[in-house]
Amino acid sequence: FDQQLAKGLLISSYQDLLPKQIWNRKKMGFSFPMQKWLKRNPIIMQLNTSKNPSIASFTRDFLKGKMHWSKLVALYLANR
């Protein structure tokens, strides 16, 4: 798979629609909105009402934005 060719096809397809500073810039990363997605996840809501006070506390911290989503996922997986 030639990534240069794929990018070239994409650029040539949209070159007339996008400003040069968009299609001529260096590659940028993309991060998924995991924090936002997990805050709406029913499983996380169940953790928030856990009988284990530590799990419930960590979940509340996550929902308040005081804990990174990866720590909450690790906690969930460790307690499955």
PDB file of N, CA and C in Angstrom:
ATOM      1  N   PHE A   1       0.845  -1.193   0.000  1.00  0.00           N
ATOM      2  CA  PHE A   1       0.000   0.000   0.000  1.00  0.00           C
ATOM      3  C   PHE A   1       0.879   1.241   0.000  1.00  0.00           C
ATOM      4  N   ASP A   2       0.725   2.071  -0.971  1.00  0.00           N
ATOM      5  CA  ASP A   2       1.530   3.285  -1.100  1.00  0.00           C
ATOM      6  C   ASP A   2       0.780   4.461  -0.472  1.00  0.00           C
ATOM      7  N   GLN A   3       1.224   4.866   0.732  1.00  0.00           N
ATOM      8  CA  GLN A   3       0.544   5.961   1.427  1.00  0.00           C
ATOM      9  C   GLN A   3       0.695   7.285   0.687  1.00  0.00           C
ATOM     10  N   GLN A   4       1.831   7.484   0.036  1.00  0.00           N
ATOM     11  CA  GLN A   4       2.040   8.712  -0.735  1.00  0.00           C
ATOM     12  C   GLN A   4       0.980   8.831  -1.833  1.00  0.00           C
ATOM     13  N   LEU A   5       0.722   7.727  -2.521  1.00  0.00           N
ATOM     14  CA  LEU A   5      -0.272   7.717  -3.587  1.00  0.00           C
ATOM     15  C   LEU A   5      -1.665   7.983  -3.021  1.00  0.00           C
ATOM     16  N   ALA A   6      -1.993   7.352  -1.905  1.00  0.00           N
ATOM     17  CA  ALA A   6      -3.315   7.544  -1.298  1.00  0.00           C
ATOM     18  C   ALA A   6      -3.519   9.002  -0.904  1.00  0.00           C
ATOM     19  N   LYS A   7      -2.511   9.609  -0.290  1.00  0.00           N
ATOM     20  CA  LYS A   7      -2.632  11.012   0.095  1.00  0.00           C
ATOM     21  C   LYS A   7      -2.741  11.889  -1.150  1.00  0.00           C
ATOM     22  N   GLY A   8      -1.975  11.547  -2.182  1.00  0.00           N
ATOM     23  CA  GLY A   8      -2.038  12.305  -3.429  1.00  0.00           C
ATOM     24  C   GLY A   8      -3.423  12.277  -4.052  1.00  0.00           C
ATOM     25  N   LEU A   9      -4.059  11.122  -4.028  1.00  0.00           N
ATOM     26  CA  LEU A   9      -5.424  10.999  -4.567  1.00  0.00           C
ATOM     27  C   LEU A   9      -6.404  11.840  -3.757  1.00  0.00           C
ATOM     28  N   LEU A  10      -6.253  11.809  -2.451  1.00  0.00           N
ATOM     29  CA  LEU A  10      -7.135  12.586  -1.582  1.00  0.00           C
ATOM     30  C   LEU A  10      -6.952  14.084  -1.827  1.00  0.00           C
ATOM     31  N   ILE A  11      -5.701  14.504  -1.888  1.00  0.00           N
ATOM     32  CA  ILE A  11      -5.418  15.922  -2.127  1.00  0.00           C
ATOM     33  C   ILE A  11      -5.960  16.364  -3.483  1.00  0.00           C
ATOM     34  N   SER A  12      -5.702  15.579  -4.520  1.00  0.00           N
ATOM     35  CA  SER A  12      -6.168  15.985  -5.852  1.00  0.00           C
ATOM     36  C   SER A  12      -7.694  16.017  -5.927  1.00  0.00           C
ATOM     37  N   SER A  13      -8.354  15.205  -5.123  1.00  0.00           N
ATOM     38  CA  SER A  13      -9.821  15.189  -5.116  1.00  0.00           C
ATOM     39  C   SER A  13     -10.413  16.440  -4.474  1.00  0.00           C
ATOM     40  N   TYR A  14      -9.739  16.984  -3.459  1.00  0.00           N
ATOM     41  CA  TYR A  14     -10.295  18.098  -2.686  1.00  0.00           C
ATOM     42  C   TYR A  14      -9.494  19.389  -2.806  1.00  0.00           C
ATOM     43  N   GLN A  15      -8.488  19.407  -3.633  1.00  0.00           N
ATOM     44  CA  GLN A  15      -7.592  20.553  -3.745  1.00  0.00           C
ATOM     45  C   GLN A  15      -8.333  21.848  -4.077  1.00  0.00           C
ATOM     46  N   ASP A  16      -9.336  21.784  -4.914  1.00  0.00           N
ATOM     47  CA  ASP A  16     -10.085  22.985  -5.295  1.00  0.00           C
ATOM     48  C   ASP A  16     -11.057  23.441  -4.210  1.00  0.00           C
ATOM     49  N   LEU A  17     -11.375  22.561  -3.271  1.00  0.00           N
ATOM     50  CA  LEU A  17     -12.353  22.882  -2.232  1.00  0.00           C
ATOM     51  C   LEU A  17     -11.721  23.365  -0.929  1.00  0.00           C
ATOM     52  N   LEU A  18     -10.462  23.003  -0.706  1.00  0.00           N
ATOM     53  CA  LEU A  18      -9.799  23.337   0.558  1.00  0.00           C
ATOM     54  C   LEU A  18      -8.660  24.326   0.335  1.00  0.00           C
ATOM     55  N   PRO A  19      -8.427  25.210   1.309  1.00  0.00           N
ATOM     56  CA  PRO A  19      -7.295  26.129   1.191  1.00  0.00           C
ATOM     57  C   PRO A  19      -5.966  25.367   1.197  1.00  0.00           C
ATOM     58  N   LYS A  20      -4.963  25.953   0.562  1.00  0.00           N
ATOM     59  CA  LYS A  20      -3.652  25.309   0.452  1.00  0.00           C
ATOM     60  C   LYS A  20      -3.068  24.972   1.827  1.00  0.00           C
ATOM     61  N   GLN A  21      -3.280  25.838   2.837  1.00  0.00           N
ATOM     62  CA  GLN A  21      -2.715  25.555   4.159  1.00  0.00           C
ATOM     63  C   GLN A  21      -3.301  24.288   4.787  1.00  0.00           C
ATOM     64  N   ILE A  22      -4.437  23.833   4.333  1.00  0.00           N
ATOM     65  CA  ILE A  22      -5.016  22.581   4.836  1.00  0.00           C
ATOM     66  C   ILE A  22      -4.385  21.385   4.136  1.00  0.00           C
ATOM     67  N   TRP A  23      -4.429  21.349   2.814  1.00  0.00           N
ATOM     68  CA  TRP A  23      -3.939  20.156   2.108  1.00  0.00           C
ATOM     69  C   TRP A  23      -2.430  20.105   1.972  1.00  0.00           C
ATOM     70  N   ASN A  24      -1.730  21.191   2.294  1.00  0.00           N
ATOM     71  CA  ASN A  24      -0.277  21.213   2.146  1.00  0.00           C
ATOM     72  C   ASN A  24       0.450  21.140   3.501  1.00  0.00           C
ATOM     73  N   ARG A  25      -0.264  20.903   4.576  1.00  0.00           N
ATOM     74  CA  ARG A  25       0.380  20.865   5.894  1.00  0.00           C
ATOM     75  C   ARG A  25       0.905  19.468   6.212  1.00  0.00           C
ATOM     76  N   LYS A  26       1.724  19.400   7.253  1.00  0.00           N
ATOM     77  CA  LYS A  26       2.252  18.114   7.700  1.00  0.00           C
ATOM     78  C   LYS A  26       1.121  17.264   8.268  1.00  0.00           C
ATOM     79  N   LYS A  27       1.353  15.974   8.309  1.00  0.00           N
ATOM     80  CA  LYS A  27       0.370  15.033   8.841  1.00  0.00           C
ATOM     81  C   LYS A  27       0.096  15.346  10.311  1.00  0.00           C
ATOM     82  N   MET A  28      -1.163  15.290  10.683  1.00  0.00           N
ATOM     83  CA  MET A  28      -1.562  15.546  12.068  1.00  0.00           C
ATOM     84  C   MET A  28      -2.193  14.283  12.641  1.00  0.00           C
ATOM     85  N   GLY A  29      -2.016  14.092  13.910  1.00  0.00           N
ATOM     86  CA  GLY A  29      -2.622  12.945  14.577  1.00  0.00           C
ATOM     87  C   GLY A  29      -4.097  13.181  14.856  1.00  0.00           C
ATOM     88  N   PHE A  30      -4.755  12.137  15.261  1.00  0.00           N
ATOM     89  CA  PHE A  30      -6.171  12.217  15.607  1.00  0.00           C
ATOM     90  C   PHE A  30      -6.382  11.442  16.893  1.00  0.00           C
ATOM     91  N   SER A  31      -7.030  12.065  17.842  1.00  0.00           N
ATOM     92  CA  SER A  31      -7.322  11.350  19.077  1.00  0.00           C
ATOM     93  C   SER A  31      -8.835  11.167  19.204  1.00  0.00           C
ATOM     94  N   PHE A  32      -9.212  10.034  19.722  1.00  0.00           N
ATOM     95  CA  PHE A  32     -10.623   9.724  19.897  1.00  0.00           C
ATOM     96  C   PHE A  32     -11.150  10.386  21.169  1.00  0.00           C
ATOM     97  N   PRO A  33     -12.391  10.817  21.167  1.00  0.00           N
ATOM     98  CA  PRO A  33     -12.961  11.475  22.353  1.00  0.00           C
ATOM     99  C   PRO A  33     -13.432  10.460  23.404  1.00  0.00           C
ATOM    100  N   MET A  34     -12.499   9.634  23.876  1.00  0.00           N
ATOM    101  CA  MET A  34     -12.855   8.565  24.816  1.00  0.00           C
ATOM    102  C   MET A  34     -13.500   9.103  26.092  1.00  0.00           C
ATOM    103  N   GLN A  35     -12.966  10.190  26.637  1.00  0.00           N
ATOM    104  CA  GLN A  35     -13.500  10.764  27.875  1.00  0.00           C
ATOM    105  C   GLN A  35     -14.992  11.057  27.697  1.00  0.00           C
ATOM    106  N   LYS A  36     -15.326  11.694  26.592  1.00  0.00           N
ATOM    107  CA  LYS A  36     -16.714  12.067  26.304  1.00  0.00           C
ATOM    108  C   LYS A  36     -17.583  10.826  26.101  1.00  0.00           C
ATOM    109  N   TRP A  37     -17.080   9.862  25.316  1.00  0.00           N
ATOM    110  CA  TRP A  37     -17.846   8.644  25.054  1.00  0.00           C
ATOM    111  C   TRP A  37     -18.116   7.867  26.337  1.00  0.00           C
ATOM    112  N   LEU A  38     -17.093   7.729  27.162  1.00  0.00           N
ATOM    113  CA  LEU A  38     -17.253   6.922  28.373  1.00  0.00           C
ATOM    114  C   LEU A  38     -18.189   7.571  29.382  1.00  0.00           C
ATOM    115  N   LYS A  39     -18.245   8.883  29.403  1.00  0.00           N
ATOM    116  CA  LYS A  39     -19.143   9.564  30.349  1.00  0.00           C
ATOM    117  C   LYS A  39     -20.605   9.241  30.061  1.00  0.00           C
ATOM    118  N   ARG A  40     -20.890   8.813  28.830  1.00  0.00           N
ATOM    119  CA  ARG A  40     -22.268   8.462  28.460  1.00  0.00           C
ATOM    120  C   ARG A  40     -22.496   6.959  28.415  1.00  0.00           C
ATOM    121  N   ASN A  41     -21.506   6.186  28.806  1.00  0.00           N
ATOM    122  CA  ASN A  41     -21.587   4.733  28.720  1.00  0.00           C
ATOM    123  C   ASN A  41     -22.351   4.159  29.915  1.00  0.00           C
ATOM    124  N   PRO A  42     -23.358   3.310  29.682  1.00  0.00           N
ATOM    125  CA  PRO A  42     -24.147   2.737  30.784  1.00  0.00           C
ATOM    126  C   PRO A  42     -23.307   1.925  31.772  1.00  0.00           C
ATOM    127  N   ILE A  43     -22.254   1.285  31.299  1.00  0.00           N
ATOM    128  CA  ILE A  43     -21.406   0.498  32.206  1.00  0.00           C
ATOM    129  C   ILE A  43     -20.729   1.422  33.213  1.00  0.00           C
ATOM    130  N   ILE A  44     -20.300   2.586  32.762  1.00  0.00           N
ATOM    131  CA  ILE A  44     -19.664   3.551  33.660  1.00  0.00           C
ATOM    132  C   ILE A  44     -20.678   4.035  34.692  1.00  0.00           C
ATOM    133  N   MET A  45     -21.904   4.219  34.273  1.00  0.00           N
ATOM    134  CA  MET A  45     -22.942   4.632  35.217  1.00  0.00           C
ATOM    135  C   MET A  45     -23.166   3.555  36.285  1.00  0.00           C
ATOM    136  N   GLN A  46     -23.037   2.293  35.891  1.00  0.00           N
ATOM    137  CA  GLN A  46     -23.157   1.203  36.869  1.00  0.00           C
ATOM    138  C   GLN A  46     -21.998   1.242  37.857  1.00  0.00           C
ATOM    139  N   LEU A  47     -20.798   1.550  37.380  1.00  0.00           N
ATOM    140  CA  LEU A  47     -19.646   1.656  38.282  1.00  0.00           C
ATOM    141  C   LEU A  47     -19.848   2.778  39.291  1.00  0.00           C
ATOM    142  N   ASN A  48     -20.519   3.839  38.860  1.00  0.00           N
ATOM    143  CA  ASN A  48     -20.767   4.981  39.736  1.00  0.00           C
ATOM    144  C   ASN A  48     -21.618   4.595  40.943  1.00  0.00           C
ATOM    145  N   THR A  49     -22.429   3.570  40.785  1.00  0.00           N
ATOM    146  CA  THR A  49     -23.289   3.119  41.886  1.00  0.00           C
ATOM    147  C   THR A  49     -22.799   1.800  42.486  1.00  0.00           C
ATOM    148  N   SER A  50     -21.527   1.502  42.281  1.00  0.00           N
ATOM    149  CA  SER A  50     -20.942   0.256  42.784  1.00  0.00           C
ATOM    150  C   SER A  50     -21.015   0.185  44.308  1.00  0.00           C
ATOM    151  N   LYS A  51     -21.169  -1.036  44.819  1.00  0.00           N
ATOM    152  CA  LYS A  51     -21.162  -1.251  46.272  1.00  0.00           C
ATOM    153  C   LYS A  51     -19.757  -1.107  46.844  1.00  0.00           C
ATOM    154  N   ASN A  52     -18.763  -1.224  45.969  1.00  0.00           N
ATOM    155  CA  ASN A  52     -17.376  -1.025  46.386  1.00  0.00           C
ATOM    156  C   ASN A  52     -17.120   0.488  46.438  1.00  0.00           C
ATOM    157  N   PRO A  53     -16.885   1.038  47.633  1.00  0.00           N
ATOM    158  CA  PRO A  53     -16.731   2.494  47.743  1.00  0.00           C
ATOM    159  C   PRO A  53     -15.552   3.058  46.948  1.00  0.00           C
ATOM    160  N   SER A  54     -14.489   2.287  46.796  1.00  0.00           N
ATOM    161  CA  SER A  54     -13.332   2.771  46.028  1.00  0.00           C
ATOM    162  C   SER A  54     -13.690   2.919  44.555  1.00  0.00           C
ATOM    163  N   ILE A  55     -14.370   1.919  44.013  1.00  0.00           N
ATOM    164  CA  ILE A  55     -14.764   1.971  42.600  1.00  0.00           C
ATOM    165  C   ILE A  55     -15.727   3.132  42.365  1.00  0.00           C
ATOM    166  N   ALA A  56     -16.696   3.284  43.248  1.00  0.00           N
ATOM    167  CA  ALA A  56     -17.661   4.378  43.108  1.00  0.00           C
ATOM    168  C   ALA A  56     -16.956   5.735  43.196  1.00  0.00           C
ATOM    169  N   SER A  57     -16.005   5.857  44.099  1.00  0.00           N
ATOM    170  CA  SER A  57     -15.261   7.107  44.262  1.00  0.00           C
ATOM    171  C   SER A  57     -14.421   7.426  43.025  1.00  0.00           C
ATOM    172  N   PHE A  58     -13.706   6.418  42.509  1.00  0.00           N
ATOM    173  CA  PHE A  58     -12.906   6.627  41.301  1.00  0.00           C
ATOM    174  C   PHE A  58     -13.798   7.015  40.126  1.00  0.00           C
ATOM    175  N   THR A  59     -14.955   6.392  40.039  1.00  0.00           N
ATOM    176  CA  THR A  59     -15.876   6.698  38.939  1.00  0.00           C
ATOM    177  C   THR A  59     -16.381   8.131  39.050  1.00  0.00           C
ATOM    178  N   ARG A  60     -16.698   8.563  40.253  1.00  0.00           N
ATOM    179  CA  ARG A  60     -17.129   9.956  40.442  1.00  0.00           C
ATOM    180  C   ARG A  60     -16.011  10.923  40.045  1.00  0.00           C
ATOM    181  N   ASP A  61     -14.779  10.581  40.418  1.00  0.00           N
ATOM    182  CA  ASP A  61     -13.640  11.425  40.023  1.00  0.00           C
ATOM    183  C   ASP A  61     -13.542  11.520  38.499  1.00  0.00           C
ATOM    184  N   PHE A  62     -13.723  10.391  37.830  1.00  0.00           N
ATOM    185  CA  PHE A  62     -13.694  10.389  36.364  1.00  0.00           C
ATOM    186  C   PHE A  62     -14.793  11.290  35.803  1.00  0.00           C
ATOM    187  N   LEU A  63     -15.998  11.152  36.314  1.00  0.00           N
ATOM    188  CA  LEU A  63     -17.128  11.932  35.815  1.00  0.00           C
ATOM    189  C   LEU A  63     -16.944  13.428  36.063  1.00  0.00           C
ATOM    190  N   LYS A  64     -16.180  13.780  37.098  1.00  0.00           N
ATOM    191  CA  LYS A  64     -15.882  15.188  37.388  1.00  0.00           C
ATOM    192  C   LYS A  64     -14.677  15.695  36.599  1.00  0.00           C
ATOM    193  N   GLY A  65     -14.056  14.811  35.819  1.00  0.00           N
ATOM    194  CA  GLY A  65     -12.895  15.212  35.035  1.00  0.00           C
ATOM    195  C   GLY A  65     -11.588  15.182  35.800  1.00  0.00           C
ATOM    196  N   LYS A  66     -11.567  14.501  36.942  1.00  0.00           N
ATOM    197  CA  LYS A  66     -10.365  14.443  37.775  1.00  0.00           C
ATOM    198  C   LYS A  66      -9.529  13.193  37.523  1.00  0.00           C
ATOM    199  N   MET A  67      -9.986  12.313  36.642  1.00  0.00           N
ATOM    200  CA  MET A  67      -9.261  11.077  36.357  1.00  0.00           C
ATOM    201  C   MET A  67      -9.277  10.826  34.854  1.00  0.00           C
ATOM    202  N   HIS A  68      -8.143  10.382  34.320  1.00  0.00           N
ATOM    203  CA  HIS A  68      -8.035  10.062  32.897  1.00  0.00           C
ATOM    204  C   HIS A  68      -8.844   8.803  32.606  1.00  0.00           C
ATOM    205  N   TRP A  69      -9.456   8.765  31.436  1.00  0.00           N
ATOM    206  CA  TRP A  69     -10.322   7.644  31.063  1.00  0.00           C
ATOM    207  C   TRP A  69      -9.594   6.307  31.102  1.00  0.00           C
ATOM    208  N   SER A  70      -8.303   6.271  30.777  1.00  0.00           N
ATOM    209  CA  SER A  70      -7.574   4.997  30.725  1.00  0.00           C
ATOM    210  C   SER A  70      -7.491   4.337  32.101  1.00  0.00           C
ATOM    211  N   LYS A  71      -7.417   5.140  33.149  1.00  0.00           N
ATOM    212  CA  LYS A  71      -7.372   4.578  34.511  1.00  0.00           C
ATOM    213  C   LYS A  71      -8.713   3.940  34.869  1.00  0.00           C
ATOM    214  N   LEU A  72      -9.792   4.581  34.453  1.00  0.00           N
ATOM    215  CA  LEU A  72     -11.108   4.017  34.741  1.00  0.00           C
ATOM    216  C   LEU A  72     -11.328   2.717  33.974  1.00  0.00           C
ATOM    217  N   VAL A  73     -10.885   2.665  32.733  1.00  0.00           N
ATOM    218  CA  VAL A  73     -11.008   1.436  31.942  1.00  0.00           C
ATOM    219  C   VAL A  73     -10.185   0.324  32.585  1.00  0.00           C
ATOM    220  N   ALA A  74      -8.979   0.640  33.039  1.00  0.00           N
ATOM    221  CA  ALA A  74      -8.140  -0.358  33.719  1.00  0.00           C
ATOM    222  C   ALA A  74      -8.826  -0.862  34.984  1.00  0.00           C
ATOM    223  N   LEU A  75      -9.427   0.036  35.736  1.00  0.00           N
ATOM    224  CA  LEU A  75     -10.158  -0.348  36.948  1.00  0.00           C
ATOM    225  C   LEU A  75     -11.323  -1.269  36.603  1.00  0.00           C
ATOM    226  N   TYR A  76     -12.058  -0.922  35.559  1.00  0.00           N
ATOM    227  CA  TYR A  76     -13.185  -1.747  35.127  1.00  0.00           C
ATOM    228  C   TYR A  76     -12.713  -3.140  34.730  1.00  0.00           C
ATOM    229  N   LEU A  77     -11.669  -3.207  33.921  1.00  0.00           N
ATOM    230  CA  LEU A  77     -11.169  -4.505  33.451  1.00  0.00           C
ATOM    231  C   LEU A  77     -10.611  -5.349  34.595  1.00  0.00           C
ATOM    232  N   ALA A  78      -9.987  -4.725  35.562  1.00  0.00           N
ATOM    233  CA  ALA A  78      -9.426  -5.458  36.698  1.00  0.00           C
ATOM    234  C   ALA A  78     -10.515  -6.026  37.603  1.00  0.00           C
ATOM    235  N   ASN A  79     -11.693  -5.439  37.556  1.00  0.00           N
ATOM    236  CA  ASN A  79     -12.779  -5.876  38.443  1.00  0.00           C
ATOM    237  C   ASN A  79     -13.869  -6.648  37.726  1.00  0.00           C
ATOM    238  N   ARG A  80     -13.585  -7.134  36.539  1.00  0.00           N
ATOM    239  CA  ARG A  80     -14.575  -7.924  35.793  1.00  0.00           C
ATOM    240  C   ARG A  80     -14.622  -9.329  36.294  1.00  0.00           C
TER     241      ARG A  80
END
